[in-house]
Amino acid sequence: MPLINIILVIVAIGVGLWAINRYIPMARPVKTILNVVVVAVLCLWLLQTFGTIDAIKSIRIS
């Protein structure tokens, strides 16, 4: 995956998370949990994209 695509995905997720935090009224703990989950999933995706962790490839959801 080209680096520009990775940067575009990170920017899109950041803008989406900012819009959710800014315009959707939620309790503070819910926003915190949402932010932590999104950042954790993004970090795992980046680690998998760069090949640092290969264990995620063996997980099947279906």
PDB file of N, CA and C in Angstrom:
ATOM      1  N   MET A   1       0.846  -1.167   0.000  1.00  0.00           N
ATOM      2  CA  MET A   1       0.000   0.000   0.000  1.00  0.00           C
ATOM      3  C   MET A   1       0.899   1.240   0.000  1.00  0.00           C
ATOM      4  N   PRO A   2       0.679   2.144  -0.938  1.00  0.00           N
ATOM      5  CA  PRO A   2       1.501   3.356  -1.010  1.00  0.00           C
ATOM      6  C   PRO A   2       1.324   4.239   0.233  1.00  0.00           C
ATOM      7  N   LEU A   3       2.361   4.961   0.552  1.00  0.00           N
ATOM      8  CA  LEU A   3       2.366   5.805   1.741  1.00  0.00           C
ATOM      9  C   LEU A   3       1.279   6.876   1.689  1.00  0.00           C
ATOM     10  N   ILE A   4       1.005   7.403   0.504  1.00  0.00           N
ATOM     11  CA  ILE A   4      -0.027   8.441   0.381  1.00  0.00           C
ATOM     12  C   ILE A   4      -1.394   7.891   0.758  1.00  0.00           C
ATOM     13  N   ASN A   5      -1.673   6.624   0.432  1.00  0.00           N
ATOM     14  CA  ASN A   5      -2.948   6.014   0.816  1.00  0.00           C
ATOM     15  C   ASN A   5      -3.054   5.871   2.328  1.00  0.00           C
ATOM     16  N   ILE A   6      -1.971   5.504   2.958  1.00  0.00           N
ATOM     17  CA  ILE A   6      -1.965   5.363   4.416  1.00  0.00           C
ATOM     18  C   ILE A   6      -2.223   6.714   5.069  1.00  0.00           C
ATOM     19  N   ILE A   7      -1.579   7.751   4.565  1.00  0.00           N
ATOM     20  CA  ILE A   7      -1.779   9.093   5.118  1.00  0.00           C
ATOM     21  C   ILE A   7      -3.215   9.556   4.903  1.00  0.00           C
ATOM     22  N   LEU A   8      -3.786   9.278   3.732  1.00  0.00           N
ATOM     23  CA  LEU A   8      -5.175   9.659   3.465  1.00  0.00           C
ATOM     24  C   LEU A   8      -6.148   8.940   4.394  1.00  0.00           C
ATOM     25  N   VAL A   9      -5.890   7.669   4.684  1.00  0.00           N
ATOM     26  CA  VAL A   9      -6.743   6.920   5.610  1.00  0.00           C
ATOM     27  C   VAL A   9      -6.658   7.522   7.012  1.00  0.00           C
ATOM     28  N   ILE A  10      -5.456   7.841   7.454  1.00  0.00           N
ATOM     29  CA  ILE A  10      -5.286   8.434   8.787  1.00  0.00           C
ATOM     30  C   ILE A  10      -5.994   9.785   8.865  1.00  0.00           C
ATOM     31  N   VAL A  11      -5.863  10.605   7.831  1.00  0.00           N
ATOM     32  CA  VAL A  11      -6.523  11.910   7.815  1.00  0.00           C
ATOM     33  C   VAL A  11      -8.046  11.738   7.798  1.00  0.00           C
ATOM     34  N   ALA A  12      -8.554  10.814   6.998  1.00  0.00           N
ATOM     35  CA  ALA A  12      -9.999  10.588   6.928  1.00  0.00           C
ATOM     36  C   ALA A  12     -10.549  10.115   8.273  1.00  0.00           C
ATOM     37  N   ILE A  13      -9.842   9.224   8.930  1.00  0.00           N
ATOM     38  CA  ILE A  13     -10.287   8.748  10.239  1.00  0.00           C
ATOM     39  C   ILE A  13     -10.229   9.877  11.255  1.00  0.00           C
ATOM     40  N   GLY A  14      -9.191  10.689  11.196  1.00  0.00           N
ATOM     41  CA  GLY A  14      -9.077  11.827  12.105  1.00  0.00           C
ATOM     42  C   GLY A  14     -10.195  12.841  11.914  1.00  0.00           C
ATOM     43  N   VAL A  15     -10.504  13.153  10.674  1.00  0.00           N
ATOM     44  CA  VAL A  15     -11.587  14.100  10.394  1.00  0.00           C
ATOM     45  C   VAL A  15     -12.926  13.510  10.827  1.00  0.00           C
ATOM     46  N   GLY A  16     -13.128  12.229  10.565  1.00  0.00           N
ATOM     47  CA  GLY A  16     -14.368  11.578  10.987  1.00  0.00           C
ATOM     48  C   GLY A  16     -14.520  11.572  12.499  1.00  0.00           C
ATOM     49  N   LEU A  17     -13.455  11.261  13.204  1.00  0.00           N
ATOM     50  CA  LEU A  17     -13.492  11.249  14.664  1.00  0.00           C
ATOM     51  C   LEU A  17     -13.702  12.661  15.215  1.00  0.00           C
ATOM     52  N   TRP A  18     -13.060  13.636  14.597  1.00  0.00           N
ATOM     53  CA  TRP A  18     -13.266  15.030  15.011  1.00  0.00           C
ATOM     54  C   TRP A  18     -14.728  15.430  14.815  1.00  0.00           C
ATOM     55  N   ALA A  19     -15.318  15.075  13.665  1.00  0.00           N
ATOM     56  CA  ALA A  19     -16.711  15.437  13.386  1.00  0.00           C
ATOM     57  C   ALA A  19     -17.661  14.765  14.378  1.00  0.00           C
ATOM     58  N   ILE A  20     -17.404  13.514  14.692  1.00  0.00           N
ATOM     59  CA  ILE A  20     -18.242  12.816  15.667  1.00  0.00           C
ATOM     60  C   ILE A  20     -18.127  13.485  17.028  1.00  0.00           C
ATOM     61  N   ASN A  21     -16.911  13.783  17.456  1.00  0.00           N
ATOM     62  CA  ASN A  21     -16.710  14.421  18.759  1.00  0.00           C
ATOM     63  C   ASN A  21     -17.312  15.828  18.805  1.00  0.00           C
ATOM     64  N   ARG A  22     -17.273  16.525  17.694  1.00  0.00           N
ATOM     65  CA  ARG A  22     -17.721  17.918  17.661  1.00  0.00           C
ATOM     66  C   ARG A  22     -19.236  18.049  17.536  1.00  0.00           C
ATOM     67  N   TYR A  23     -19.865  17.228  16.681  1.00  0.00           N
ATOM     68  CA  TYR A  23     -21.250  17.474  16.307  1.00  0.00           C
ATOM     69  C   TYR A  23     -22.262  16.475  16.865  1.00  0.00           C
ATOM     70  N   ILE A  24     -21.829  15.354  17.385  1.00  0.00           N
ATOM     71  CA  ILE A  24     -22.764  14.385  17.944  1.00  0.00           C
ATOM     72  C   ILE A  24     -22.692  14.476  19.465  1.00  0.00           C
ATOM     73  N   PRO A  25     -23.813  14.846  20.088  1.00  0.00           N
ATOM     74  CA  PRO A  25     -23.784  14.974  21.549  1.00  0.00           C
ATOM     75  C   PRO A  25     -23.738  13.602  22.226  1.00  0.00           C
ATOM     76  N   MET A  26     -22.717  13.408  23.040  1.00  0.00           N
ATOM     77  CA  MET A  26     -22.542  12.170  23.795  1.00  0.00           C
ATOM     78  C   MET A  26     -21.965  12.518  25.150  1.00  0.00           C
ATOM     79  N   ALA A  27     -22.147  11.605  26.080  1.00  0.00           N
ATOM     80  CA  ALA A  27     -21.517  11.789  27.391  1.00  0.00           C
ATOM     81  C   ALA A  27     -20.002  11.691  27.241  1.00  0.00           C
ATOM     82  N   ARG A  28     -19.283  12.366  28.098  1.00  0.00           N
ATOM     83  CA  ARG A  28     -17.820  12.389  28.038  1.00  0.00           C
ATOM     84  C   ARG A  28     -17.209  10.988  28.093  1.00  0.00           C
ATOM     85  N   PRO A  29     -17.690  10.071  28.971  1.00  0.00           N
ATOM     86  CA  PRO A  29     -17.083   8.724  29.002  1.00  0.00           C
ATOM     87  C   PRO A  29     -17.274   7.953  27.690  1.00  0.00           C
ATOM     88  N   VAL A  30     -18.407   8.155  27.035  1.00  0.00           N
ATOM     89  CA  VAL A  30     -18.663   7.469  25.764  1.00  0.00           C
ATOM     90  C   VAL A  30     -17.703   7.981  24.698  1.00  0.00           C
ATOM     91  N   LYS A  31     -17.494   9.286  24.659  1.00  0.00           N
ATOM     92  CA  LYS A  31     -16.539   9.855  23.696  1.00  0.00           C
ATOM     93  C   LYS A  31     -15.127   9.340  23.952  1.00  0.00           C
ATOM     94  N   THR A  32     -14.764   9.244  25.212  1.00  0.00           N
ATOM     95  CA  THR A  32     -13.426   8.754  25.557  1.00  0.00           C
ATOM     96  C   THR A  32     -13.238   7.318  25.106  1.00  0.00           C
ATOM     97  N   ILE A  33     -14.231   6.483  25.356  1.00  0.00           N
ATOM     98  CA  ILE A  33     -14.153   5.079  24.936  1.00  0.00           C
ATOM     99  C   ILE A  33     -14.083   4.988  23.421  1.00  0.00           C
ATOM    100  N   LEU A  34     -14.903   5.765  22.724  1.00  0.00           N
ATOM    101  CA  LEU A  34     -14.888   5.772  21.258  1.00  0.00           C
ATOM    102  C   LEU A  34     -13.520   6.175  20.728  1.00  0.00           C
ATOM    103  N   ASN A  35     -12.939   7.228  21.293  1.00  0.00           N
ATOM    104  CA  ASN A  35     -11.618   7.690  20.855  1.00  0.00           C
ATOM    105  C   ASN A  35     -10.550   6.628  21.081  1.00  0.00           C
ATOM    106  N   VAL A  36     -10.574   5.992  22.253  1.00  0.00           N
ATOM    107  CA  VAL A  36      -9.576   4.970  22.564  1.00  0.00           C
ATOM    108  C   VAL A  36      -9.704   3.784  21.618  1.00  0.00           C
ATOM    109  N   VAL A  37     -10.938   3.352  21.356  1.00  0.00           N
ATOM    110  CA  VAL A  37     -11.147   2.208  20.461  1.00  0.00           C
ATOM    111  C   VAL A  37     -10.688   2.530  19.043  1.00  0.00           C
ATOM    112  N   VAL A  38     -11.040   3.702  18.550  1.00  0.00           N
ATOM    113  CA  VAL A  38     -10.650   4.083  17.180  1.00  0.00           C
ATOM    114  C   VAL A  38      -9.131   4.182  17.059  1.00  0.00           C
ATOM    115  N   VAL A  39      -8.484   4.794  18.022  1.00  0.00           N
ATOM    116  CA  VAL A  39      -7.020   4.923  17.973  1.00  0.00           C
ATOM    117  C   VAL A  39      -6.354   3.550  18.081  1.00  0.00           C
ATOM    118  N   ALA A  40      -6.880   2.672  18.937  1.00  0.00           N
ATOM    119  CA  ALA A  40      -6.309   1.334  19.077  1.00  0.00           C
ATOM    120  C   ALA A  40      -6.456   0.532  17.779  1.00  0.00           C
ATOM    121  N   VAL A  41      -7.627   0.603  17.167  1.00  0.00           N
ATOM    122  CA  VAL A  41      -7.836  -0.113  15.900  1.00  0.00           C
ATOM    123  C   VAL A  41      -6.939   0.459  14.808  1.00  0.00           C
ATOM    124  N   LEU A  42      -6.794   1.771  14.768  1.00  0.00           N
ATOM    125  CA  LEU A  42      -5.917   2.403  13.776  1.00  0.00           C
ATOM    126  C   LEU A  42      -4.464   1.978  13.983  1.00  0.00           C
ATOM    127  N   CYS A  43      -4.026   1.916  15.230  1.00  0.00           N
ATOM    128  CA  CYS A  43      -2.649   1.473  15.518  1.00  0.00           C
ATOM    129  C   CYS A  43      -2.441   0.019  15.096  1.00  0.00           C
ATOM    130  N   LEU A  44      -3.399  -0.837  15.394  1.00  0.00           N
ATOM    131  CA  LEU A  44      -3.287  -2.233  14.965  1.00  0.00           C
ATOM    132  C   LEU A  44      -3.264  -2.352  13.449  1.00  0.00           C
ATOM    133  N   TRP A  45      -4.084  -1.558  12.772  1.00  0.00           N
ATOM    134  CA  TRP A  45      -4.107  -1.581  11.315  1.00  0.00           C
ATOM    135  C   TRP A  45      -2.765  -1.112  10.741  1.00  0.00           C
ATOM    136  N   LEU A  46      -2.198  -0.055  11.334  1.00  0.00           N
ATOM    137  CA  LEU A  46      -0.892   0.425  10.870  1.00  0.00           C
ATOM    138  C   LEU A  46       0.195  -0.618  11.092  1.00  0.00           C
ATOM    139  N   LEU A  47       0.190  -1.259  12.251  1.00  0.00           N
ATOM    140  CA  LEU A  47       1.182  -2.304  12.520  1.00  0.00           C
ATOM    141  C   LEU A  47       1.046  -3.456  11.533  1.00  0.00           C
ATOM    142  N   GLN A  48      -0.181  -3.813  11.211  1.00  0.00           N
ATOM    143  CA  GLN A  48      -0.401  -4.892  10.241  1.00  0.00           C
ATOM    144  C   GLN A  48       0.017  -4.441   8.837  1.00  0.00           C
ATOM    145  N   THR A  49      -0.287  -3.208   8.491  1.00  0.00           N
ATOM    146  CA  THR A  49       0.058  -2.689   7.165  1.00  0.00           C
ATOM    147  C   THR A  49       1.565  -2.679   6.944  1.00  0.00           C
ATOM    148  N   PHE A  50       2.315  -2.294   7.969  1.00  0.00           N
ATOM    149  CA  PHE A  50       3.766  -2.261   7.846  1.00  0.00           C
ATOM    150  C   PHE A  50       4.418  -3.612   8.112  1.00  0.00           C
ATOM    151  N   GLY A  51       3.619  -4.628   8.407  1.00  0.00           N
ATOM    152  CA  GLY A  51       4.144  -5.975   8.571  1.00  0.00           C
ATOM    153  C   GLY A  51       4.784  -6.250   9.907  1.00  0.00           C
ATOM    154  N   THR A  52       4.530  -5.399  10.884  1.00  0.00           N
ATOM    155  CA  THR A  52       5.125  -5.602  12.205  1.00  0.00           C
ATOM    156  C   THR A  52       4.478  -6.776  12.916  1.00  0.00           C
ATOM    157  N   ILE A  53       3.186  -6.901  12.757  1.00  0.00           N
ATOM    158  CA  ILE A  53       2.499  -8.047  13.363  1.00  0.00           C
ATOM    159  C   ILE A  53       1.777  -8.823  12.268  1.00  0.00           C
ATOM    160  N   ASP A  54       1.957 -10.115  12.277  1.00  0.00           N
ATOM    161  CA  ASP A  54       1.304 -10.966  11.289  1.00  0.00           C
ATOM    162  C   ASP A  54       0.198 -11.811  11.907  1.00  0.00           C
ATOM    163  N   ALA A  55       0.037 -11.748  13.214  1.00  0.00           N
ATOM    164  CA  ALA A  55      -0.956 -12.596  13.876  1.00  0.00           C
ATOM    165  C   ALA A  55      -2.380 -12.198  13.500  1.00  0.00           C
ATOM    166  N   ILE A  56      -2.613 -10.965  13.127  1.00  0.00           N
ATOM    167  CA  ILE A  56      -3.958 -10.517  12.806  1.00  0.00           C
ATOM    168  C   ILE A  56      -4.454 -11.179  11.528  1.00  0.00           C
ATOM    169  N   LYS A  57      -3.562 -11.518  10.634  1.00  0.00           N
ATOM    170  CA  LYS A  57      -3.968 -12.134   9.370  1.00  0.00           C
ATOM    171  C   LYS A  57      -4.614 -13.495   9.573  1.00  0.00           C
ATOM    172  N   SER A  58      -4.288 -14.176  10.653  1.00  0.00           N
ATOM    173  CA  SER A  58      -4.841 -15.503  10.876  1.00  0.00           C
ATOM    174  C   SER A  58      -6.213 -15.468  11.554  1.00  0.00           C
ATOM    175  N   ILE A  59      -6.665 -14.314  12.012  1.00  0.00           N
ATOM    176  CA  ILE A  59      -7.971 -14.204  12.663  1.00  0.00           C
ATOM    177  C   ILE A  59      -9.053 -14.138  11.598  1.00  0.00           C
ATOM    178  N   ARG A  60     -10.041 -15.018  11.701  1.00  0.00           N
ATOM    179  CA  ARG A  60     -11.137 -15.068  10.742  1.00  0.00           C
ATOM    180  C   ARG A  60     -12.422 -14.651  11.452  1.00  0.00           C
ATOM    181  N   ILE A  61     -13.163 -13.726  10.892  1.00  0.00           N
ATOM    182  CA  ILE A  61     -14.445 -13.299  11.443  1.00  0.00           C
ATOM    183  C   ILE A  61     -15.523 -13.700  10.445  1.00  0.00           C
ATOM    184  N   SER A  62     -16.258 -14.726  10.805  1.00  0.00           N
ATOM    185  CA  SER A  62     -17.398 -15.154   9.968  1.00  0.00           C
ATOM    186  C   SER A  62     -18.071 -16.350  10.578  1.00  0.00           C
TER     187      SER A  62
END
